[in-house]
Amino acid sequence: MSFFALKLSEMNLFALFRRTQNEVISGSVVDLKMTQVYEANRSNHYVPSYFYDIYLHNTNKRVGYCDLRVGYNQELYYAGNIGYHVDPPYRGHHYAYEACRMLFQVALDKGMDTVIITCSPDNPASRKTLERLDGCYIETVAVPEDHWLYQRGETVKRIYRYDLNKPAL
């Protein structure tokens, strides 16, 4: 079955909405604190999304944010299932890597077996994060002109796929 052949209806729909806003996922390096949940609707291409702030473990020190977009469609091929941002003073400590590893588990809980994460070719820090996560580089592609990423100036993406069922890193 191709990557895009998996339908949302084949996923564990109960798990899609099981987590609640303000949930905290605790890791050994960072904690993720849920800030928003967007249910699937037309405006987000029918993709439920979960937004988290990234905090240093067991502190109130916010270092960035991340999100998980649950589902598979052509829109997400370019945008990815996971997005992240680490604030400049906190870069270089692998916080995005740790947050992504935690979101991999959330994605599994929501019935996903693979995720796509993308980065711009001119962002070497994100590229290193994606390579450290040990996914499969698929290709570098031009973003379609009608895609929202293109509209904000992101015209090329490196695409990586992660098999969530392989042994942990």
C-alpha atoms as a PDB file:
ATOM      1  CA  MET A   1       0.000   0.000   0.000  1.00  0.00           C
ATOM      2  CA  SER A   2       1.400   3.428  -0.898  1.00  0.00           C
ATOM      3  CA  PHE A   3       1.995   6.083   1.742  1.00  0.00           C
ATOM      4  CA  PHE A   4      -1.024   8.133   0.618  1.00  0.00           C
ATOM      5  CA  ALA A   5      -3.305   5.117   0.276  1.00  0.00           C
ATOM      6  CA  LEU A   6      -3.798   4.891   4.022  1.00  0.00           C
ATOM      7  CA  LYS A   7      -7.107   6.552   4.811  1.00  0.00           C
ATOM      8  CA  LEU A   8      -7.850   8.399   8.009  1.00  0.00           C
ATOM      9  CA  SER A   9     -10.809   6.038   8.502  1.00  0.00           C
ATOM     10  CA  GLU A  10      -8.358   3.135   8.759  1.00  0.00           C
ATOM     11  CA  MET A  11      -6.641   4.745  11.740  1.00  0.00           C
ATOM     12  CA  ASN A  12      -7.735   4.444  15.333  1.00  0.00           C
ATOM     13  CA  LEU A  13     -10.304   7.251  15.324  1.00  0.00           C
ATOM     14  CA  PHE A  14     -10.909   7.009  19.064  1.00  0.00           C
ATOM     15  CA  ALA A  15      -7.230   7.688  19.653  1.00  0.00           C
ATOM     16  CA  LEU A  16      -7.365  10.799  17.468  1.00  0.00           C
ATOM     17  CA  PHE A  17      -9.262  12.761  20.081  1.00  0.00           C
ATOM     18  CA  ARG A  18      -8.273  10.962  23.277  1.00  0.00           C
ATOM     19  CA  ARG A  19      -5.736  13.533  24.455  1.00  0.00           C
ATOM     20  CA  THR A  20      -6.974  16.752  25.978  1.00  0.00           C
ATOM     21  CA  GLN A  21      -5.702  20.308  25.927  1.00  0.00           C
ATOM     22  CA  ASN A  22      -3.242  21.195  28.730  1.00  0.00           C
ATOM     23  CA  GLU A  23      -1.835  17.683  28.752  1.00  0.00           C
ATOM     24  CA  VAL A  24       1.822  17.378  29.725  1.00  0.00           C
ATOM     25  CA  ILE A  25       4.068  14.746  28.192  1.00  0.00           C
ATOM     26  CA  SER A  26       7.172  14.372  30.289  1.00  0.00           C
ATOM     27  CA  GLY A  27      10.514  13.324  28.855  1.00  0.00           C
ATOM     28  CA  SER A  28      13.985  13.110  30.291  1.00  0.00           C
ATOM     29  CA  VAL A  29      15.259  16.299  28.602  1.00  0.00           C
ATOM     30  CA  VAL A  30      12.134  18.270  27.677  1.00  0.00           C
ATOM     31  CA  ASP A  31       8.444  18.239  28.507  1.00  0.00           C
ATOM     32  CA  LEU A  32       5.674  18.983  26.025  1.00  0.00           C
ATOM     33  CA  LYS A  33       2.710  20.996  27.302  1.00  0.00           C
ATOM     34  CA  MET A  34      -0.323  20.981  25.018  1.00  0.00           C
ATOM     35  CA  THR A  35      -1.549  24.453  24.146  1.00  0.00           C
ATOM     36  CA  GLN A  36      -4.128  23.917  21.391  1.00  0.00           C
ATOM     37  CA  VAL A  37      -6.084  21.207  19.623  1.00  0.00           C
ATOM     38  CA  TYR A  38      -7.585  21.749  16.199  1.00  0.00           C
ATOM     39  CA  GLU A  39     -10.130  19.149  15.189  1.00  0.00           C
ATOM     40  CA  ALA A  40     -10.228  18.064  11.568  1.00  0.00           C
ATOM     41  CA  ASN A  41     -12.128  20.548   9.410  1.00  0.00           C
ATOM     42  CA  ARG A  42     -12.085  22.079   5.977  1.00  0.00           C
ATOM     43  CA  SER A  43      -9.760  24.945   6.907  1.00  0.00           C
ATOM     44  CA  ASN A  44      -6.984  22.550   7.999  1.00  0.00           C
ATOM     45  CA  HIS A  45      -7.520  20.051   5.170  1.00  0.00           C
ATOM     46  CA  TYR A  46      -9.331  17.662   7.542  1.00  0.00           C
ATOM     47  CA  VAL A  47      -6.198  17.052   9.580  1.00  0.00           C
ATOM     48  CA  PRO A  48      -6.482  17.137  13.390  1.00  0.00           C
ATOM     49  CA  SER A  49      -3.544  19.030  14.867  1.00  0.00           C
ATOM     50  CA  TYR A  50      -2.029  19.135  18.345  1.00  0.00           C
ATOM     51  CA  PHE A  51       0.171  22.044  19.443  1.00  0.00           C
ATOM     52  CA  TYR A  52       2.667  21.908  22.294  1.00  0.00           C
ATOM     53  CA  ASP A  53       5.107  24.260  23.966  1.00  0.00           C
ATOM     54  CA  ILE A  54       8.515  22.723  24.658  1.00  0.00           C
ATOM     55  CA  TYR A  55       9.845  23.213  28.204  1.00  0.00           C
ATOM     56  CA  LEU A  56      13.083  22.117  29.766  1.00  0.00           C
ATOM     57  CA  HIS A  57      12.272  19.033  31.814  1.00  0.00           C
ATOM     58  CA  ASN A  58      10.664  19.820  35.193  1.00  0.00           C
ATOM     59  CA  THR A  59      10.980  23.593  34.752  1.00  0.00           C
ATOM     60  CA  ASN A  60       8.881  26.528  33.584  1.00  0.00           C
ATOM     61  CA  LYS A  61      11.557  27.464  31.019  1.00  0.00           C
ATOM     62  CA  ARG A  62       9.857  27.477  27.602  1.00  0.00           C
ATOM     63  CA  VAL A  63      12.392  26.844  24.828  1.00  0.00           C
ATOM     64  CA  GLY A  64      10.160  26.484  21.759  1.00  0.00           C
ATOM     65  CA  TYR A  65       7.069  24.837  20.346  1.00  0.00           C
ATOM     66  CA  CYS A  66       6.045  21.928  18.145  1.00  0.00           C
ATOM     67  CA  ASP A  67       2.976  20.361  16.597  1.00  0.00           C
ATOM     68  CA  LEU A  68       1.679  17.066  15.291  1.00  0.00           C
ATOM     69  CA  ARG A  69      -0.654  16.914  12.297  1.00  0.00           C
ATOM     70  CA  VAL A  70      -2.443  13.558  12.262  1.00  0.00           C
ATOM     71  CA  GLY A  71      -3.214  11.997   8.925  1.00  0.00           C
ATOM     72  CA  TYR A  72      -1.869  11.523   5.450  1.00  0.00           C
ATOM     73  CA  ASN A  73      -2.573  13.711   2.433  1.00  0.00           C
ATOM     74  CA  GLN A  74      -0.763  15.575  -0.332  1.00  0.00           C
ATOM     75  CA  GLU A  75      -0.806  18.781   1.738  1.00  0.00           C
ATOM     76  CA  LEU A  76       1.219  17.094   4.479  1.00  0.00           C
ATOM     77  CA  TYR A  77       3.742  15.672   2.042  1.00  0.00           C
ATOM     78  CA  TYR A  78       5.199  19.177   1.795  1.00  0.00           C
ATOM     79  CA  ALA A  79       4.337  20.490   5.280  1.00  0.00           C
ATOM     80  CA  GLY A  80       5.028  17.270   7.179  1.00  0.00           C
ATOM     81  CA  ASN A  81       3.243  15.655  10.100  1.00  0.00           C
ATOM     82  CA  ILE A  82       5.547  17.327  12.619  1.00  0.00           C
ATOM     83  CA  GLY A  83       6.716  20.911  12.833  1.00  0.00           C
ATOM     84  CA  TYR A  84       8.955  22.526  15.433  1.00  0.00           C
ATOM     85  CA  HIS A  85      10.736  25.725  16.413  1.00  0.00           C
ATOM     86  CA  VAL A  86      13.403  26.205  19.065  1.00  0.00           C
ATOM     87  CA  ASP A  87      13.967  29.769  20.261  1.00  0.00           C
ATOM     88  CA  PRO A  88      17.446  31.110  19.323  1.00  0.00           C
ATOM     89  CA  PRO A  89      18.972  31.153  22.846  1.00  0.00           C
ATOM     90  CA  TYR A  90      18.206  27.414  23.230  1.00  0.00           C
ATOM     91  CA  ARG A  91      19.392  26.066  19.890  1.00  0.00           C
ATOM     92  CA  GLY A  92      22.162  23.502  19.678  1.00  0.00           C
ATOM     93  CA  HIS A  93      20.976  21.334  22.585  1.00  0.00           C
ATOM     94  CA  HIS A  94      18.903  18.803  20.563  1.00  0.00           C
ATOM     95  CA  TYR A  95      15.589  19.982  22.035  1.00  0.00           C
ATOM     96  CA  ALA A  96      13.826  19.645  18.653  1.00  0.00           C
ATOM     97  CA  TYR A  97      15.166  16.087  18.378  1.00  0.00           C
ATOM     98  CA  GLU A  98      13.818  15.219  21.836  1.00  0.00           C
ATOM     99  CA  ALA A  99      10.434  16.818  21.081  1.00  0.00           C
ATOM    100  CA  CYS A 100      10.143  14.913  17.787  1.00  0.00           C
ATOM    101  CA  ARG A 101      10.925  11.607  19.506  1.00  0.00           C
ATOM    102  CA  MET A 102       8.130  12.316  21.980  1.00  0.00           C
ATOM    103  CA  LEU A 103       5.731  13.248  19.169  1.00  0.00           C
ATOM    104  CA  PHE A 104       6.572   9.954  17.451  1.00  0.00           C
ATOM    105  CA  GLN A 105       4.969   8.198  20.428  1.00  0.00           C
ATOM    106  CA  VAL A 106       1.932  10.490  20.279  1.00  0.00           C
ATOM    107  CA  ALA A 107       1.602   9.697  16.571  1.00  0.00           C
ATOM    108  CA  LEU A 108       1.749   5.961  17.329  1.00  0.00           C
ATOM    109  CA  ASP A 109      -0.924   6.421  19.993  1.00  0.00           C
ATOM    110  CA  LYS A 110      -3.080   8.082  17.356  1.00  0.00           C
ATOM    111  CA  GLY A 111      -2.798   5.132  14.994  1.00  0.00           C
ATOM    112  CA  MET A 112      -0.057   6.398  12.704  1.00  0.00           C
ATOM    113  CA  ASP A 113       2.714   4.040  11.613  1.00  0.00           C
ATOM    114  CA  THR A 114       4.774   6.556   9.643  1.00  0.00           C
ATOM    115  CA  VAL A 115       5.302  10.304   9.738  1.00  0.00           C
ATOM    116  CA  ILE A 116       6.719  12.791   7.280  1.00  0.00           C
ATOM    117  CA  ILE A 117       8.923  15.659   8.474  1.00  0.00           C
ATOM    118  CA  THR A 118      10.262  18.242   6.071  1.00  0.00           C
ATOM    119  CA  CYS A 119      12.829  21.025   6.165  1.00  0.00           C
ATOM    120  CA  SER A 120      14.049  23.722   3.868  1.00  0.00           C
ATOM    121  CA  PRO A 121      17.389  22.915   2.212  1.00  0.00           C
ATOM    122  CA  ASP A 122      18.818  26.194   3.545  1.00  0.00           C
ATOM    123  CA  ASN A 123      18.201  25.163   7.172  1.00  0.00           C
ATOM    124  CA  PRO A 124      21.199  23.008   8.148  1.00  0.00           C
ATOM    125  CA  ALA A 125      20.161  22.767  11.820  1.00  0.00           C
ATOM    126  CA  SER A 126      16.804  21.197  10.933  1.00  0.00           C
ATOM    127  CA  ARG A 127      18.474  18.919   8.415  1.00  0.00           C
ATOM    128  CA  LYS A 128      20.835  17.669  11.151  1.00  0.00           C
ATOM    129  CA  THR A 129      17.850  17.102  13.459  1.00  0.00           C
ATOM    130  CA  LEU A 130      16.023  15.079  10.809  1.00  0.00           C
ATOM    131  CA  GLU A 131      19.119  13.030  10.026  1.00  0.00           C
ATOM    132  CA  ARG A 132      19.735  12.405  13.735  1.00  0.00           C
ATOM    133  CA  LEU A 133      16.159  11.074  13.995  1.00  0.00           C
ATOM    134  CA  ASP A 134      17.303   8.377  11.541  1.00  0.00           C
ATOM    135  CA  GLY A 135      14.497   8.542   9.018  1.00  0.00           C
ATOM    136  CA  CYS A 136      14.554   7.827   5.336  1.00  0.00           C
ATOM    137  CA  TYR A 137      15.396  10.765   3.087  1.00  0.00           C
ATOM    138  CA  ILE A 138      12.908  10.585   0.220  1.00  0.00           C
ATOM    139  CA  GLU A 139      13.636  13.559  -2.019  1.00  0.00           C
ATOM    140  CA  THR A 140      14.046  17.294  -2.395  1.00  0.00           C
ATOM    141  CA  VAL A 141      11.019  18.783  -4.132  1.00  0.00           C
ATOM    142  CA  ALA A 142       9.651  22.069  -5.360  1.00  0.00           C
ATOM    143  CA  VAL A 143       6.620  23.114  -3.329  1.00  0.00           C
ATOM    144  CA  PRO A 144       3.547  23.688  -5.547  1.00  0.00           C
ATOM    145  CA  GLU A 145       2.784  27.369  -6.073  1.00  0.00           C
ATOM    146  CA  ASP A 146      -0.726  26.985  -4.622  1.00  0.00           C
ATOM    147  CA  HIS A 147       0.550  25.477  -1.338  1.00  0.00           C
ATOM    148  CA  TRP A 148       0.518  27.716   1.751  1.00  0.00           C
ATOM    149  CA  LEU A 149       4.235  27.047   2.302  1.00  0.00           C
ATOM    150  CA  TYR A 150       5.043  28.488  -1.103  1.00  0.00           C
ATOM    151  CA  GLN A 151       2.921  31.531  -0.300  1.00  0.00           C
ATOM    152  CA  ARG A 152       5.138  32.258   2.711  1.00  0.00           C
ATOM    153  CA  GLY A 153       8.355  31.830   0.757  1.00  0.00           C
ATOM    154  CA  GLU A 154       9.185  28.154   1.366  1.00  0.00           C
ATOM    155  CA  THR A 155       9.549  26.968  -2.230  1.00  0.00           C
ATOM    156  CA  VAL A 156      11.705  23.838  -1.796  1.00  0.00           C
ATOM    157  CA  LYS A 157      11.525  21.071   0.829  1.00  0.00           C
ATOM    158  CA  ARG A 158      13.618  18.069   1.798  1.00  0.00           C
ATOM    159  CA  ILE A 159      11.230  15.202   2.611  1.00  0.00           C
ATOM    160  CA  TYR A 160      11.991  12.542   5.257  1.00  0.00           C
ATOM    161  CA  ARG A 161       9.841   9.557   6.247  1.00  0.00           C
ATOM    162  CA  TYR A 162      10.000   7.852   9.657  1.00  0.00           C
ATOM    163  CA  ASP A 163       8.798   4.319  10.326  1.00  0.00           C
ATOM    164  CA  LEU A 164       7.378   4.476  13.840  1.00  0.00           C
ATOM    165  CA  ASN A 165       7.329   0.709  14.257  1.00  0.00           C
ATOM    166  CA  LYS A 166      11.091   0.214  13.951  1.00  0.00           C
ATOM    167  CA  PRO A 167      13.166  -0.139  17.114  1.00  0.00           C
ATOM    168  CA  ALA A 168      13.658   3.020  19.191  1.00  0.00           C
ATOM    169  CA  LEU A 169      16.691   5.219  18.618  1.00  0.00           C
END
